[in-house]
Amino acid sequence: MLMDTKTWYNTIAPSYEELYGEEQFRKVIFIKDLYRRLFGNYKFKRGLDFGCGTGISIELLLEIVEEPYACDISEKLLNIAKHKYPNVNYIKCEGLANEFRDFFDVIISITVLQDVENPLGVLYLFKQILQDHGIVILSVLKKKGISYWKPIVKEYFNILWFDEEDKDFVFFLSKKKEL
């Protein structure tokens, strides 16, 4: 039987950074550079790191928002992040749509969406919790190809910027306007 995602990440939490740290740090640096080119030193008010893991991507969040929030399905990864970055608001991933509707100016999600059962459902959640003027910074592994990811992303968002990192597609997205 295959392990579910939550159990998997709870199991590998103590060695997560040893396994994936260098790769994730490179992605965050790549995305930081893109962000600076697109937005300069602009800081959003409230931002969410969705799938923050051990906090590697929280470093990016802290540079671009005044009020950082983070969530992850793995309690063990989240505990590592809390220890490293105690001044972040840690929230549950479940129930975000009810508690945080139209709340965030920016959502970052680095190498998360390819691991969820329903990526379109997560993007719909992002649409619900993102303010109308907000952006989503999203990276996904290239394994499934751009022809898989582009239509899913475009269901709820406009692509402001697209780039490719070594292993990931990187999207900067804005919310589609309701008609």
Protein backbone atom coordinates (compact mmCIF):
# COMPACT_ATOMS: atom_id res chain seq x y z
CA MET A 1 0.00 0.00 0.00
CA LEU A 2 1.26 3.48 -0.87
CA MET A 3 1.80 5.97 1.93
CA ASP A 4 -0.34 9.10 1.74
CA THR A 5 1.40 12.46 1.32
CA LYS A 6 0.90 13.60 4.92
CA THR A 7 2.33 10.36 6.34
CA TRP A 8 5.24 10.47 3.89
CA TYR A 9 6.28 14.00 4.87
CA ASN A 10 5.82 13.29 8.59
CA THR A 11 8.08 10.25 8.14
CA ILE A 12 10.88 12.08 6.32
CA ALA A 13 10.62 15.35 8.30
CA PRO A 14 13.85 14.83 10.30
CA SER A 15 15.85 14.35 7.08
CA TYR A 16 13.82 16.58 4.71
CA GLU A 17 16.46 19.28 4.35
CA GLU A 18 19.18 16.70 3.83
CA LEU A 19 17.10 15.09 1.07
CA TYR A 20 15.62 18.19 -0.63
CA GLY A 21 17.13 21.26 1.02
CA GLU A 22 19.72 22.23 -1.57
CA GLU A 23 17.26 21.81 -4.43
CA GLN A 24 14.57 23.84 -2.62
CA PHE A 25 17.04 26.61 -1.70
CA ARG A 26 18.00 26.93 -5.39
CA LYS A 27 14.33 27.25 -6.36
CA VAL A 28 13.73 29.92 -3.73
CA ILE A 29 16.75 31.93 -4.94
CA PHE A 30 15.52 31.62 -8.55
CA ILE A 31 12.04 32.82 -7.54
CA LYS A 32 13.45 35.67 -5.40
CA ASP A 33 15.39 36.92 -8.42
CA LEU A 34 12.27 36.75 -10.60
CA TYR A 35 10.26 38.57 -7.94
CA ARG A 36 12.83 41.38 -7.73
CA ARG A 37 12.83 41.78 -11.51
CA LEU A 38 9.03 41.99 -11.59
CA PHE A 39 8.23 43.86 -8.36
CA GLY A 40 11.49 45.40 -7.13
CA ASN A 41 11.39 45.84 -3.36
CA TYR A 42 7.59 45.96 -3.15
CA LYS A 43 6.15 44.33 -0.03
CA PHE A 44 2.65 42.92 0.11
CA LYS A 45 0.66 43.22 3.34
CA ARG A 46 -0.33 39.58 4.06
CA GLY A 47 1.14 36.48 2.49
CA LEU A 48 0.72 32.74 2.84
CA ASP A 49 3.36 30.08 2.26
CA PHE A 50 1.14 27.14 1.35
CA GLY A 51 3.10 23.94 1.93
CA CYS A 52 5.92 25.64 3.83
CA GLY A 53 7.64 22.40 4.82
CA THR A 54 10.63 23.07 7.08
CA GLY A 55 10.51 26.78 6.27
CA ILE A 56 12.91 27.02 3.34
CA SER A 57 10.41 29.08 1.33
CA ILE A 58 9.43 31.16 4.37
CA GLU A 59 12.69 33.02 3.75
CA LEU A 60 11.15 34.33 0.50
CA LEU A 61 7.85 35.15 2.21
CA LEU A 62 9.59 37.22 4.90
CA GLU A 63 11.21 39.36 2.20
CA ILE A 64 7.99 40.14 0.34
CA VAL A 65 5.26 40.53 3.00
CA GLU A 66 4.65 42.46 6.18
CA GLU A 67 2.46 39.78 7.82
CA PRO A 68 3.67 36.24 7.04
CA TYR A 69 1.44 33.17 7.40
CA ALA A 70 2.39 29.56 6.69
CA CYS A 71 0.74 26.15 6.61
CA ASP A 72 1.68 22.57 5.83
CA ILE A 73 -0.16 19.24 6.10
CA SER A 74 2.78 17.68 7.94
CA GLU A 75 2.80 18.57 11.64
CA LYS A 76 6.43 17.45 11.91
CA LEU A 77 7.62 19.67 9.06
CA LEU A 78 5.58 22.53 10.50
CA ASN A 79 7.21 22.10 13.91
CA ILE A 80 10.65 22.44 12.30
CA ALA A 81 9.51 25.63 10.53
CA LYS A 82 8.04 27.03 13.77
CA HIS A 83 11.34 26.48 15.54
CA LYS A 84 13.29 28.26 12.76
CA TYR A 85 10.83 31.12 12.21
CA PRO A 86 8.84 31.76 15.40
CA ASN A 87 7.49 35.15 14.22
CA VAL A 88 5.37 33.65 11.44
CA ASN A 89 1.62 33.05 11.89
CA TYR A 90 1.18 29.28 11.49
CA ILE A 91 -2.31 28.18 10.49
CA LYS A 92 -4.05 24.95 9.54
CA CYS A 93 -4.34 24.16 5.83
CA GLU A 94 -7.82 22.78 6.46
CA GLY A 95 -10.57 25.38 6.67
CA LEU A 96 -8.63 28.16 4.97
CA ALA A 97 -11.54 29.07 2.68
CA ASN A 98 -13.85 29.72 5.63
CA GLU A 99 -11.43 31.58 7.88
CA PHE A 100 -9.33 33.49 5.34
CA ARG A 101 -11.60 34.34 2.39
CA ASP A 102 -10.17 37.28 0.36
CA PHE A 103 -7.47 37.70 3.01
CA PHE A 104 -4.05 37.29 1.37
CA ASP A 105 -2.29 39.65 -1.05
CA VAL A 106 0.18 36.97 -2.09
CA ILE A 107 0.32 33.19 -1.86
CA ILE A 108 3.50 31.26 -2.51
CA SER A 109 3.52 27.54 -3.07
CA ILE A 110 6.85 26.01 -4.02
CA THR A 111 6.88 22.45 -5.36
CA VAL A 112 3.62 21.46 -3.67
CA LEU A 113 0.81 21.19 -6.21
CA GLN A 114 2.17 18.10 -7.98
CA ASP A 115 1.87 16.20 -4.67
CA VAL A 116 -1.80 16.91 -4.03
CA GLU A 117 -4.64 14.68 -5.16
CA ASN A 118 -6.67 17.55 -6.62
CA PRO A 119 -4.47 20.42 -7.87
CA LEU A 120 -7.46 22.22 -9.39
CA GLY A 121 -9.16 22.15 -5.98
CA VAL A 122 -6.10 23.77 -4.38
CA LEU A 123 -6.06 26.47 -7.06
CA TYR A 124 -9.75 27.10 -6.38
CA LEU A 125 -8.87 27.47 -2.69
CA PHE A 126 -6.15 29.98 -3.65
CA LYS A 127 -8.77 31.90 -5.65
CA GLN A 128 -11.03 32.03 -2.58
CA ILE A 129 -8.41 33.22 -0.09
CA LEU A 130 -6.58 35.62 -2.42
CA GLN A 131 -7.66 39.25 -2.62
CA ASP A 132 -8.71 40.48 -6.07
CA HIS A 133 -5.47 42.43 -6.58
CA GLY A 134 -3.26 39.63 -5.20
CA ILE A 135 -0.81 37.29 -6.87
CA VAL A 136 0.11 33.64 -6.59
CA ILE A 137 3.73 32.55 -6.98
CA LEU A 138 3.62 28.89 -7.89
CA SER A 139 6.24 26.32 -8.80
CA VAL A 140 5.49 22.76 -9.87
CA LEU A 141 7.76 19.93 -10.91
CA LYS A 142 8.14 19.60 -14.69
CA LYS A 143 7.41 15.85 -14.71
CA LYS A 144 3.84 16.18 -16.02
CA GLY A 145 4.78 18.81 -18.59
CA ILE A 146 3.53 22.31 -19.31
CA SER A 147 0.60 20.97 -21.37
CA TYR A 148 -0.75 19.47 -18.14
CA TRP A 149 -0.17 22.47 -15.85
CA LYS A 150 -1.05 25.43 -18.06
CA PRO A 151 -4.77 24.62 -18.52
CA ILE A 152 -5.17 23.84 -14.81
CA VAL A 153 -3.55 27.12 -13.78
CA LYS A 154 -5.57 29.10 -16.35
CA GLU A 155 -8.86 27.78 -14.95
CA TYR A 156 -8.82 30.42 -12.19
CA PHE A 157 -5.79 32.61 -12.89
CA ASN A 158 -4.11 34.74 -15.53
CA ILE A 159 -0.45 34.02 -16.11
CA LEU A 160 1.48 37.23 -15.47
CA TRP A 161 4.88 35.64 -15.88
CA PHE A 162 6.17 32.19 -16.66
CA ASP A 163 9.71 30.85 -16.39
CA GLU A 164 11.51 27.56 -16.01
CA GLU A 165 13.86 26.64 -13.22
CA ASP A 166 16.00 23.49 -13.50
CA LYS A 167 13.29 21.11 -12.24
CA ASP A 168 10.22 23.36 -11.92
CA PHE A 169 7.86 25.50 -13.93
CA VAL A 170 7.41 28.85 -12.17
CA PHE A 171 4.22 30.89 -12.54
CA PHE A 172 3.34 34.37 -11.31
CA LEU A 173 -0.45 34.50 -11.42
CA SER A 174 -3.26 37.01 -10.97
CA LYS A 175 -6.85 36.18 -10.16
CA LYS A 176 -9.27 36.05 -13.08
CA LYS A 177 -12.03 38.61 -12.78
CA GLU A 178 -15.54 37.26 -12.21
CA LEU A 179 -17.96 38.15 -15.01
